[in-house]
Amino acid sequence: MLPLAASQTTQWIVYAIGALTIVFIVMRPAFRKKDPLANSGPKLGLAQQRSVEREMSNLLVELSEMARQITGQLDTRSAKLEALMQDADKKIAELKRLSSSQRIELNSESIITRPITQSMSVPANDPRYTAIYSLADAGRSPQEIAHELDRPRGEVELILALRVPSAT
């Protein structure tokens, strides 16, 4: 009985291997990776190819024109920036000249100062400034003034630094 059971088991193994081989052969093309370039899509006619070439040429011309315009804009902005920097340098030199001309002259009787702010126009009676000045005169710090008036601390400090002393 044992040889008969062994032959039936072997027979089933052969059937299983045969079935797997058939499934493998049938399914093998589906498992292969397909080359996306193998099917290049629809073939274009000569007229269509020339049309595509013309469109590409037009796009290249448009891109080069756009690049030229952008380059021109950058050159213009660069020239404006250079002019602004030269203007700022001139103003810095003028401020340095004015600050060096502000000297304390000692006489035998008095000390006379010439403030730089003569050439600056800071509106003394501007309501934004008067609120800051009045709080500063009351002894508040720039940080407290900025917090109370809801203004940047640097702005308050600048306004106080540019304050023209009253002629009293």
Protein backbone atom coordinates (compact mmCIF):
# COMPACT_ATOMS: atom_id res chain seq x y z
CA MET A 1 0.00 0.00 0.00
CA LEU A 2 2.88 2.30 0.62
CA PRO A 3 4.15 2.16 -2.98
CA LEU A 4 0.65 3.01 -4.25
CA ALA A 5 0.40 6.05 -1.94
CA ALA A 6 3.86 7.22 -2.99
CA SER A 7 2.93 7.00 -6.66
CA GLN A 8 -0.30 9.00 -6.10
CA THR A 9 1.63 11.70 -4.17
CA THR A 10 4.22 11.88 -6.93
CA GLN A 11 1.45 12.07 -9.49
CA TRP A 12 -0.15 15.05 -7.67
CA ILE A 13 3.23 16.79 -7.41
CA VAL A 14 3.74 16.40 -11.15
CA TYR A 15 0.24 17.82 -11.79
CA ALA A 16 0.95 20.80 -9.51
CA ILE A 17 4.28 21.51 -11.19
CA GLY A 18 2.63 21.27 -14.61
CA ALA A 19 -0.17 23.65 -13.57
CA LEU A 20 2.33 26.15 -12.16
CA THR A 21 4.38 25.95 -15.36
CA ILE A 22 1.31 26.66 -17.50
CA VAL A 23 0.29 29.60 -15.27
CA PHE A 24 3.85 30.96 -15.43
CA ILE A 25 3.98 30.72 -19.24
CA VAL A 26 0.58 32.39 -19.62
CA MET A 27 1.28 35.16 -17.10
CA ARG A 28 4.93 35.77 -18.04
CA PRO A 29 4.27 38.56 -20.59
CA ALA A 30 2.20 40.44 -18.00
CA PHE A 31 5.09 40.35 -15.49
CA ARG A 32 7.63 41.78 -17.91
CA LYS A 33 8.31 45.48 -17.55
CA LYS A 34 7.22 47.31 -20.58
CA ASP A 35 9.52 49.87 -22.19
CA PRO A 36 7.68 53.20 -22.24
CA LEU A 37 9.67 54.26 -25.29
CA ALA A 38 8.82 51.11 -27.21
CA ASN A 39 5.46 52.57 -28.15
CA SER A 40 6.40 56.08 -29.19
CA GLY A 41 2.79 57.05 -29.56
CA PRO A 42 1.14 58.28 -32.68
CA LYS A 43 3.47 58.92 -35.59
CA LEU A 44 3.44 62.50 -36.77
CA GLY A 45 3.38 63.40 -40.40
CA LEU A 46 5.96 65.68 -41.96
CA ALA A 47 3.61 68.69 -41.86
CA GLN A 48 2.87 68.13 -38.20
CA GLN A 49 6.57 67.83 -37.38
CA ARG A 50 7.31 71.11 -39.16
CA SER A 51 4.44 72.75 -37.28
CA VAL A 52 5.86 71.58 -33.97
CA GLU A 53 9.32 72.84 -35.00
CA ARG A 54 7.85 76.28 -35.85
CA GLU A 55 6.08 76.44 -32.49
CA MET A 56 9.30 75.51 -30.69
CA SER A 57 11.19 78.18 -32.64
CA ASN A 58 8.55 80.76 -31.73
CA LEU A 59 8.79 79.79 -28.08
CA LEU A 60 12.58 80.15 -28.17
CA VAL A 61 12.25 83.61 -29.72
CA GLU A 62 9.73 84.62 -27.06
CA LEU A 63 11.99 83.31 -24.29
CA SER A 64 15.01 85.19 -25.62
CA GLU A 65 12.92 88.38 -25.91
CA MET A 66 11.71 87.95 -22.34
CA ALA A 67 15.27 87.37 -21.13
CA ARG A 68 16.37 90.55 -22.92
CA GLN A 69 13.57 92.55 -21.29
CA ILE A 70 14.39 91.22 -17.84
CA THR A 71 18.06 92.01 -18.36
CA GLY A 72 17.13 95.55 -19.37
CA GLN A 73 14.95 95.97 -16.29
CA LEU A 74 17.74 94.67 -14.06
CA ASP A 75 20.21 97.08 -15.66
CA THR A 76 17.81 99.99 -15.13
CA ARG A 77 17.23 99.08 -11.51
CA SER A 78 20.96 98.64 -10.98
CA ALA A 79 21.62 102.12 -12.38
CA LYS A 80 18.90 103.62 -10.16
CA LEU A 81 20.35 101.84 -7.13
CA GLU A 82 23.83 103.12 -7.97
CA ALA A 83 22.47 106.69 -8.26
CA LEU A 84 20.70 106.33 -4.90
CA MET A 85 23.87 105.04 -3.29
CA GLN A 86 25.86 107.99 -4.66
CA ASP A 87 23.18 110.37 -3.38
CA ALA A 88 23.31 108.71 0.04
CA ASP A 89 27.11 109.02 0.06
CA LYS A 90 26.83 112.73 -0.71
CA LYS A 91 24.32 113.21 2.10
CA ILE A 92 26.55 111.31 4.54
CA ALA A 93 29.49 113.50 3.56
CA GLU A 94 27.32 116.61 4.07
CA LEU A 95 26.21 115.40 7.49
CA LYS A 96 29.82 114.71 8.46
CA ARG A 97 30.79 118.16 7.26
CA LEU A 98 27.98 119.76 9.25
CA SER A 99 28.78 117.77 12.38
CA SER A 100 32.44 118.76 12.18
CA SER A 101 31.42 122.41 11.77
CA GLN A 102 29.45 122.23 15.00
CA ARG A 103 32.11 123.34 17.38
CA ILE A 104 32.02 124.67 20.83
CA GLU A 105 33.54 128.09 20.80
CA LEU A 106 34.93 129.18 24.07
CA ASN A 107 34.84 132.83 24.84
CA SER A 108 36.06 134.24 28.06
CA GLU A 109 32.45 134.80 29.13
CA SER A 110 30.19 132.16 27.47
CA ILE A 111 29.94 128.92 25.54
CA ILE A 112 28.18 129.18 22.18
CA THR A 113 27.03 126.16 20.21
CA ARG A 114 25.65 125.95 16.70
CA PRO A 115 23.32 122.95 16.45
CA ILE A 116 23.24 120.77 13.36
CA THR A 117 19.46 120.83 13.39
CA GLN A 118 19.38 124.32 11.88
CA SER A 119 19.33 122.73 8.43
CA MET A 120 16.86 120.01 9.44
CA SER A 121 13.16 120.68 9.50
CA VAL A 122 11.50 118.76 12.31
CA PRO A 123 8.00 120.08 12.89
CA ALA A 124 8.01 121.03 16.55
CA ASN A 125 4.24 121.35 16.84
CA ASP A 126 3.28 118.13 15.08
CA PRO A 127 0.75 116.33 17.36
CA ARG A 128 2.59 113.02 16.94
CA TYR A 129 5.79 114.60 18.19
CA THR A 130 4.25 116.72 20.91
CA ALA A 131 2.77 113.65 22.60
CA ILE A 132 6.20 112.01 22.59
CA TYR A 133 7.89 115.21 23.78
CA SER A 134 5.40 115.75 26.61
CA LEU A 135 5.81 112.18 27.87
CA ALA A 136 9.60 112.50 27.64
CA ASP A 137 9.45 115.78 29.57
CA ALA A 138 7.38 113.96 32.21
CA GLY A 139 10.33 111.61 32.73
CA ARG A 140 9.14 108.56 30.81
CA SER A 141 11.66 106.32 29.07
CA PRO A 142 11.47 105.79 25.29
CA GLN A 143 10.32 102.22 25.89
CA GLU A 144 7.43 103.38 28.12
CA ILE A 145 6.47 106.08 25.60
CA ALA A 146 6.52 103.58 22.73
CA HIS A 147 4.34 101.17 24.68
CA GLU A 148 1.85 103.84 25.72
CA LEU A 149 1.53 105.40 22.25
CA ASP A 150 1.71 102.03 20.47
CA ARG A 151 4.66 103.12 18.32
CA PRO A 152 7.99 101.39 17.62
CA ARG A 153 10.64 102.12 20.23
CA GLY A 154 13.21 103.00 17.55
CA GLU A 155 10.87 105.63 16.11
CA VAL A 156 10.37 107.20 19.53
CA GLU A 157 14.12 107.23 20.16
CA LEU A 158 14.74 108.81 16.75
CA ILE A 159 12.13 111.52 17.31
CA LEU A 160 13.63 112.32 20.70
CA ALA A 161 17.16 112.33 19.24
CA LEU A 162 16.12 114.78 16.50
CA ARG A 163 14.30 117.04 18.94
CA VAL A 164 15.20 120.66 18.47
CA PRO A 165 15.96 122.20 21.85
CA SER A 166 13.59 125.00 22.69
CA ALA A 167 15.04 128.48 22.70
CA THR A 168 14.33 129.34 26.32
